[in-house]
């Protein structure tokens, strides 16, 4: 293994974690364009500031295009030496095709970032582009790290985490005199992500799927269970119970404390989801 491999692996996790926040903010902006509401008008400046970091973070991801052989070493192996499920993916996961797909998705997301505010139609098309792009992006840069694993709900879990993390960061940036019910919205985003993550685990467990089970087992070895506990505590359990009292949901200083925990949980969730794939 090259000495550059751990650097590339760490950079990948950092970039993917960072990109998730502007993408989540962009999704929230488009949802508000369709639904309306005072909360969105109050949060718009903060959301646009977060979404505005998307070009820079995509630029930070460019070195990863050259590191694909380090991140996905199996693509250079003969198909006969790989499990059948992995060998079947070799054609799709060749570095030139990953680079092409990544550049197309990045271009589509930048176009959405520039045009999402123009109309409700632009918001609808933008949300479609966001999710379709996330389907391709998570397959190439996240699920491919565990080549035997594949889940159709994985992009939805990632989208839920991105929106939850971005909304938590937004709460930390909004002015103190806002009137919108940000506490209830944060709770709704939290429950959505928790539902998606729990359903993925339940389906894998009930289906008795070896490759999917291996994905979880890899994340229950070594020190990773400690990070899992931290993620569950910060990203789900503590914020859920903290947001039940109306006095917390409607008091911005208290709500910001909860949002800070959620944002820390977002980082822990990204690290737990992608880190163990590197061994």
Protein backbone atom coordinates (compact mmCIF):
# COMPACT_ATOMS: atom_id res chain seq x y z
CA UNK A 1 0.00 0.00 0.00
CA UNK A 2 1.37 3.40 -0.98
CA UNK A 3 2.06 5.95 1.75
CA UNK A 4 -0.37 8.19 -0.14
CA UNK A 5 -3.26 5.80 0.41
CA UNK A 6 -4.14 6.82 4.02
CA UNK A 7 -3.90 10.48 3.02
CA UNK A 8 -6.28 9.90 0.11
CA UNK A 9 -8.66 7.95 2.35
CA UNK A 10 -8.73 10.67 5.00
CA UNK A 11 -9.15 13.38 2.36
CA UNK A 12 -12.07 11.48 0.84
CA UNK A 13 -13.94 11.28 4.15
CA UNK A 14 -13.24 14.96 4.88
CA UNK A 15 -14.36 16.15 1.44
CA UNK A 16 -17.50 14.00 1.39
CA UNK A 17 -18.43 15.22 4.86
CA UNK A 18 -17.90 18.83 3.84
CA UNK A 19 -19.76 18.59 0.52
CA UNK A 20 -22.80 17.20 2.33
CA UNK A 21 -23.51 20.48 4.13
CA UNK A 22 -23.91 22.79 1.09
CA UNK A 23 -25.80 20.06 -0.73
CA UNK A 24 -28.15 19.71 2.24
CA UNK A 25 -28.58 23.49 2.42
CA UNK A 26 -29.35 23.60 -1.31
CA UNK A 27 -31.98 20.87 -0.88
CA UNK A 28 -33.59 22.82 1.98
CA UNK A 29 -33.69 25.99 -0.13
CA UNK A 30 -35.45 24.14 -2.95
CA UNK A 31 -37.91 22.49 -0.56
CA UNK A 32 -38.79 25.91 0.84
CA UNK A 33 -39.26 27.25 -2.69
CA UNK A 34 -42.01 24.65 -3.10
CA UNK A 35 -43.58 24.82 0.37
CA UNK A 36 -43.08 28.43 1.46
CA UNK A 37 -43.10 29.49 5.09
CA UNK A 38 -41.65 32.16 7.34
CA UNK A 39 -38.88 29.85 8.53
CA UNK A 40 -37.39 29.65 5.06
CA UNK A 41 -37.32 33.41 4.60
CA UNK A 42 -35.55 33.81 7.93
CA UNK A 43 -33.11 30.99 7.23
CA UNK A 44 -32.41 31.92 3.61
CA UNK A 45 -29.31 34.10 4.26
CA UNK A 46 -27.69 31.37 6.35
CA UNK A 47 -28.68 28.62 3.92
CA UNK A 48 -27.31 30.57 0.96
CA UNK A 49 -24.03 31.15 2.80
CA UNK A 50 -23.71 27.42 3.42
CA UNK A 51 -24.75 26.48 -0.13
CA UNK A 52 -22.27 29.04 -1.46
CA UNK A 53 -19.36 26.86 -0.29
CA UNK A 54 -20.32 24.14 -2.80
CA UNK A 55 -17.98 25.27 -5.62
CA UNK A 56 -15.00 25.45 -3.25
CA UNK A 57 -15.68 22.04 -1.74
CA UNK A 58 -16.15 20.45 -5.15
CA UNK A 59 -12.82 21.99 -6.13
CA UNK A 60 -11.27 20.41 -3.03
CA UNK A 61 -12.46 17.05 -4.32
CA UNK A 62 -10.55 17.26 -7.60
CA UNK A 63 -7.38 15.57 -6.22
CA UNK A 64 -9.53 12.52 -5.46
CA UNK A 65 -9.97 11.92 -9.19
CA UNK A 66 -6.28 11.09 -9.40
CA UNK A 67 -6.47 8.91 -6.27
CA UNK A 68 -9.15 6.48 -7.49
CA UNK A 69 -6.65 3.57 -7.90
CA UNK A 70 -5.59 4.12 -4.27
CA UNK A 71 -9.16 4.31 -2.97
CA UNK A 72 -10.48 1.42 -5.09
CA UNK A 73 -7.49 -0.94 -5.50
CA UNK A 74 -9.71 -3.81 -6.64
CA UNK A 75 -10.34 -2.13 -10.01
CA UNK A 76 -6.84 -3.14 -11.11
CA UNK A 77 -7.28 -6.80 -10.16
CA UNK A 78 -8.26 -9.48 -12.68
CA UNK A 79 -11.94 -10.34 -12.51
CA UNK A 80 -11.11 -14.01 -11.86
CA UNK A 81 -9.47 -13.08 -8.54
CA UNK A 82 -12.49 -11.19 -7.23
CA UNK A 83 -15.83 -12.33 -5.82
CA UNK A 84 -18.48 -12.58 -8.52
CA UNK A 85 -20.44 -9.65 -7.11
CA UNK A 86 -17.37 -7.40 -7.23
CA UNK A 87 -16.22 -8.61 -10.64
CA UNK A 88 -19.64 -7.70 -12.07
CA UNK A 89 -19.01 -4.05 -11.08
CA UNK A 90 -15.57 -3.69 -12.65
CA UNK A 91 -16.81 -2.28 -15.94
CA UNK A 92 -18.89 0.38 -14.21
CA UNK A 93 -16.25 1.33 -11.65
CA UNK A 94 -13.32 1.87 -14.01
CA UNK A 95 -11.56 5.16 -13.10
CA UNK A 96 -12.22 6.94 -16.43
CA UNK A 97 -15.97 6.33 -16.09
CA UNK A 98 -15.98 7.44 -12.45
CA UNK A 99 -14.22 10.67 -13.48
CA UNK A 100 -16.72 11.34 -16.27
CA UNK A 101 -19.72 10.69 -14.02
CA UNK A 102 -18.28 12.80 -11.21
CA UNK A 103 -17.67 15.78 -13.48
CA UNK A 104 -21.18 15.50 -14.94
CA UNK A 105 -22.77 15.32 -11.48
CA UNK A 106 -20.64 18.21 -10.18
CA UNK A 107 -21.63 20.31 -13.20
CA UNK A 108 -25.31 19.50 -12.66
CA UNK A 109 -25.11 20.44 -8.98
CA UNK A 110 -23.38 23.72 -9.79
CA UNK A 111 -26.10 24.49 -12.32
CA UNK A 112 -28.73 23.77 -9.68
CA UNK A 113 -26.89 26.03 -7.24
CA UNK A 114 -26.98 28.87 -9.77
CA UNK A 115 -30.61 28.46 -10.87
CA UNK A 116 -32.61 26.91 -8.00
CA UNK A 117 -34.07 30.24 -6.86
CA UNK A 118 -35.61 31.26 -10.17
CA UNK A 119 -38.93 29.42 -10.03
CA UNK A 120 -40.82 26.53 -8.50
CA UNK A 121 -40.14 24.55 -11.67
CA UNK A 122 -36.41 25.13 -11.24
CA UNK A 123 -36.71 23.90 -7.64
CA UNK A 124 -38.48 20.71 -8.75
CA UNK A 125 -35.89 20.01 -11.43
CA UNK A 126 -33.14 20.89 -8.98
CA UNK A 127 -34.37 18.40 -6.38
CA UNK A 128 -34.52 15.70 -9.05
CA UNK A 129 -30.97 16.54 -10.14
CA UNK A 130 -29.84 16.55 -6.51
CA UNK A 131 -31.16 13.05 -5.81
CA UNK A 132 -30.14 11.52 -9.14
CA UNK A 133 -26.68 13.02 -8.75
CA UNK A 134 -26.49 11.70 -5.20
CA UNK A 135 -27.41 8.22 -6.44
CA UNK A 136 -24.43 8.25 -8.83
CA UNK A 137 -22.10 10.09 -6.45
CA UNK A 138 -22.67 7.83 -3.45
CA UNK A 139 -22.33 4.72 -5.60
CA UNK A 140 -18.95 5.82 -6.98
CA UNK A 141 -17.39 7.45 -3.92
CA UNK A 142 -19.02 5.81 -0.90
CA UNK A 143 -20.57 2.42 -1.60
CA UNK A 144 -17.71 1.45 -3.92
CA UNK A 145 -15.37 1.60 -0.91
CA UNK A 146 -17.06 -1.66 0.15
CA UNK A 147 -17.27 -3.26 -3.31
CA UNK A 148 -19.40 -6.24 -2.23
CA UNK A 149 -22.03 -3.94 -0.73
CA UNK A 150 -24.90 -2.21 -2.46
CA UNK A 151 -28.06 -0.62 -1.07
CA UNK A 152 -30.76 1.27 -2.93
CA UNK A 153 -31.67 3.24 0.19
CA UNK A 154 -28.06 4.35 0.82
CA UNK A 155 -28.41 7.63 -1.16
CA UNK A 156 -31.59 8.42 0.78
CA UNK A 157 -29.78 7.91 4.09
CA UNK A 158 -26.99 10.21 2.90
CA UNK A 159 -29.52 12.83 1.76
CA UNK A 160 -31.26 12.65 5.15
CA UNK A 161 -27.94 13.14 6.95
CA UNK A 162 -26.96 16.04 4.69
CA UNK A 163 -30.25 17.86 5.22
CA UNK A 164 -30.16 17.27 8.98
CA UNK A 165 -26.55 18.44 9.26
CA UNK A 166 -27.15 21.50 7.08
CA UNK A 167 -30.26 22.47 9.06
CA UNK A 168 -28.34 22.16 12.33
CA UNK A 169 -25.60 24.44 10.96
CA UNK A 170 -28.27 26.88 9.76
CA UNK A 171 -29.69 27.14 13.29
CA UNK A 172 -26.23 28.07 14.52
CA UNK A 173 -26.08 30.90 11.96
CA UNK A 174 -29.58 32.42 12.05
CA UNK A 175 -30.16 35.69 13.95
CA UNK A 176 -31.55 35.58 17.49
CA UNK A 177 -34.86 37.31 16.66
CA UNK A 178 -36.27 34.68 14.28
CA UNK A 179 -39.95 33.69 14.58
CA UNK A 180 -39.97 30.40 12.66
CA UNK A 181 -40.40 27.11 14.51
CA UNK A 182 -36.94 25.75 13.81
CA UNK A 183 -37.11 23.29 16.69
CA UNK A 184 -39.96 21.30 15.16
CA UNK A 185 -38.26 21.32 11.76
CA UNK A 186 -35.00 20.05 13.26
CA UNK A 187 -36.93 17.29 15.03
CA UNK A 188 -38.66 16.32 11.77
CA UNK A 189 -35.33 16.13 9.93
CA UNK A 190 -33.84 14.05 12.74
CA UNK A 191 -36.72 11.56 12.71
CA UNK A 192 -36.52 11.25 8.92
CA UNK A 193 -32.84 10.32 8.97
CA UNK A 194 -33.33 7.94 11.92
CA UNK A 195 -36.18 6.20 10.09
CA UNK A 196 -34.14 5.69 6.90
CA UNK A 197 -31.11 4.40 8.82
CA UNK A 198 -33.20 2.04 10.96
CA UNK A 199 -35.08 0.66 7.96
CA UNK A 200 -31.81 -0.08 6.15
CA UNK A 201 -30.53 -2.03 9.14
CA UNK A 202 -33.85 -3.84 9.60
CA UNK A 203 -34.08 -4.86 5.93
CA UNK A 204 -30.51 -6.19 5.97
CA UNK A 205 -31.17 -8.13 9.19
CA UNK A 206 -34.51 -9.58 8.11
CA UNK A 207 -33.22 -10.47 4.66
CA UNK A 208 -30.18 -12.30 6.09
CA UNK A 209 -27.99 -10.80 3.36
CA UNK A 210 -24.31 -11.78 3.82
CA UNK A 211 -22.73 -8.88 1.92
CA UNK A 212 -24.95 -6.32 3.62
CA UNK A 213 -24.30 -7.94 7.01
CA UNK A 214 -20.55 -7.75 6.36
CA UNK A 215 -20.90 -3.98 5.87
CA UNK A 216 -22.29 -3.64 9.39
CA UNK A 217 -19.89 -6.18 10.93
CA UNK A 218 -16.91 -4.24 9.58
CA UNK A 219 -18.24 -1.21 11.46
CA UNK A 220 -18.60 -3.17 14.68
CA UNK A 221 -14.92 -4.16 14.92
CA UNK A 222 -12.07 -2.41 16.65
CA UNK A 223 -12.81 1.09 17.91
CA UNK A 224 -15.68 1.72 15.48
CA UNK A 225 -18.46 0.66 17.93
CA UNK A 226 -17.43 3.55 20.18
CA UNK A 227 -17.94 5.94 17.27
CA UNK A 228 -21.27 4.28 16.50
CA UNK A 229 -22.44 4.92 20.06
CA UNK A 230 -21.25 8.52 19.84
CA UNK A 231 -23.09 8.95 16.52
CA UNK A 232 -26.35 7.53 17.87
CA UNK A 233 -26.13 9.65 21.00
CA UNK A 234 -25.31 12.92 19.23
CA UNK A 235 -27.24 12.46 16.00
CA UNK A 236 -30.41 10.87 17.35
CA UNK A 237 -31.04 10.03 21.00
CA UNK A 238 -29.99 13.15 22.91
CA UNK A 239 -31.36 15.64 20.35
CA UNK A 240 -34.66 13.73 20.15
CA UNK A 241 -35.34 13.88 23.88
CA UNK A 242 -33.91 17.40 24.16
CA UNK A 243 -36.33 18.66 21.49
CA UNK A 244 -39.45 17.22 23.11
CA UNK A 245 -39.95 20.14 25.56
CA UNK A 246 -41.40 23.22 23.87
CA UNK A 247 -39.13 25.40 26.00
CA UNK A 248 -36.10 24.00 24.14
CA UNK A 249 -37.65 24.05 20.68
CA UNK A 250 -38.72 27.69 20.97
CA UNK A 251 -35.68 29.13 22.76
CA UNK A 252 -32.90 29.78 20.28
CA UNK A 253 -29.93 29.65 22.71
CA UNK A 254 -31.07 26.21 23.95
CA UNK A 255 -31.89 25.10 20.41
CA UNK A 256 -28.40 26.09 19.29
CA UNK A 257 -26.91 23.75 21.89
CA UNK A 258 -28.93 20.90 20.44
CA UNK A 259 -27.98 21.93 16.90
CA UNK A 260 -24.31 21.87 17.90
CA UNK A 261 -24.71 18.28 19.11
CA UNK A 262 -26.45 17.32 15.86
CA UNK A 263 -23.68 18.88 13.78
CA UNK A 264 -21.06 16.93 15.75
CA UNK A 265 -23.18 13.82 15.21
CA UNK A 266 -23.23 14.51 11.48
CA UNK A 267 -19.43 14.39 11.39
CA UNK A 268 -19.42 11.19 13.48
CA UNK A 269 -22.02 9.61 11.16
CA UNK A 270 -19.95 10.37 8.05
CA UNK A 271 -16.79 9.01 9.63
CA UNK A 272 -18.51 5.83 10.88
CA UNK A 273 -20.17 5.22 7.51
CA UNK A 274 -17.07 5.67 5.33
CA UNK A 275 -14.03 5.20 7.60
CA UNK A 276 -14.22 1.43 8.29
CA UNK A 277 -14.18 0.67 4.55
CA UNK A 278 -10.46 1.45 4.58
CA UNK A 279 -9.72 -1.24 7.14
